[in-house]
């Protein structure tokens, strides 16, 4: 980075110029706004109005005052990185400008007047009280799932559902004791009354929609690739799933599976290949993420899953939380609702925190599709998942499409010489299937190490299981194994 490069930059979401004459309070506004958003770079010593290079060398006292701003005028302090760039000022003299690199922060920052700002384009916008609270939820400084639900009592809780979860967690006391002793599901307020948390209602409520009417999942299927309204409305299915979070996820995934088509065609070497429009794991993980990580304090809309002829779109209330951004989402994990995420992990809908999104990318790429696209439209996070078979070259003459939609007759599958009865499930083969289920990307060498057998023996066992219990998706390098039949 040098002065010539700096001068080519336009002020925007992550860059701003400031005169050395700026007041500390005004500089604090920009620093706070950058820290609360995506971070940014401040170039001090360049007039933001005329873009003239003023420099900072002749303003030692003022410069020292501005260097203290991130610590004295920001709450909490912002850990900026400062350095100087050589330049020639507008008078033709050697000089320097001050570069302040402001990191995106996991905390909510305010100025001395306890005002909160966030960077929006080239402006620092002051947040209202509600927007400030929302930002605290997004950054994890507060969790909406912990807030008390007005009017809820213990009679609104399904204690059998609580008992089931307590058993999974290895808790031996009564359901009521579990709620009172874990995750603040039940707590005593300052008036000595028992509060029921939002997470408790969403996870164990007899009727969660009584308190959160839009805490539900809606599936809409369109005819075509556009969403039309009015006389041209092209909605062909519109179904809503309610109940607890666990019930919503189960019912939504089950129904989505009825809407996903499979295409079987004759591939290389005379072998039949089956491609789904959307990989099973992608369907499950996207649904779980939408329900698990939505902002439940946004009550005006529900989760919407929209199916078009060429894509699936998952729309969930709330922006990407915490430090998660579209460019780091594969490797950065943040849970907006950690208690709900912990619950779903106990029911095996979340295997390991943070691994699901990366696997979504890998499975889509291995199937020949493009990566999912993430963007925020106002307060709604929209994730577009491309249809796999749009990118797969299928021979129409040999393709057989199987619609798994209810009421649609399944066409006859291609004949295969071997059946399930021909495969003897030895102890090692069962273990091999379990290892593949846990890690679809496991290599033959790794399988050999786990099973303590020669790699050639692994290959023979895989061929015995192939196309009956497992199938390969994608190339040998970069692809993965998919379980197509569970072990009984």
Foldseek 3Di string as FASTA:
>chain_A
DAPVVLLVDDQWQAEAEDELPDDLLVVLLVLLQQQLEAWHKYKYQAHRVPRFRRACPVPVVSVVVNVCSQVPFKVNRFPWDKDWHWDQGPVRHIHIIIMTTTHHHLARMDTPVRWGWHGDINDTDTDDPVVSVQSCLQSVVDAQQFDFQPPDDPVQFQQVLLVVLCVLVVHDDGSVVCCVPPPCCWDADPVRDITGGNNRCQATGPFSCVRQVQLWEKEWEFEADDQDDDPPGGTPDIDIGGDHLVRRLVVQLVQVVLAKKKKWFQDPPRDIDIDIQADSLLSLLLSNCQNQAARSVPRPHHWYWYHHPWKIKTKGFADNGHNDDPVCLQADFDGSHVVSVVSVCSVVSDVDGRHSQNVSCLALVQLQHHGWDWDDDPRMIMIIGTGSVVRDDHDVVGMAMARSHPPDDGDDDDDDPDAPVVADCDPLLLVVLVVCVVPQADALVNSCVVSVHDSVVSVVSCVSPDPHQWHWGHDNPSTTIDGPDDDD
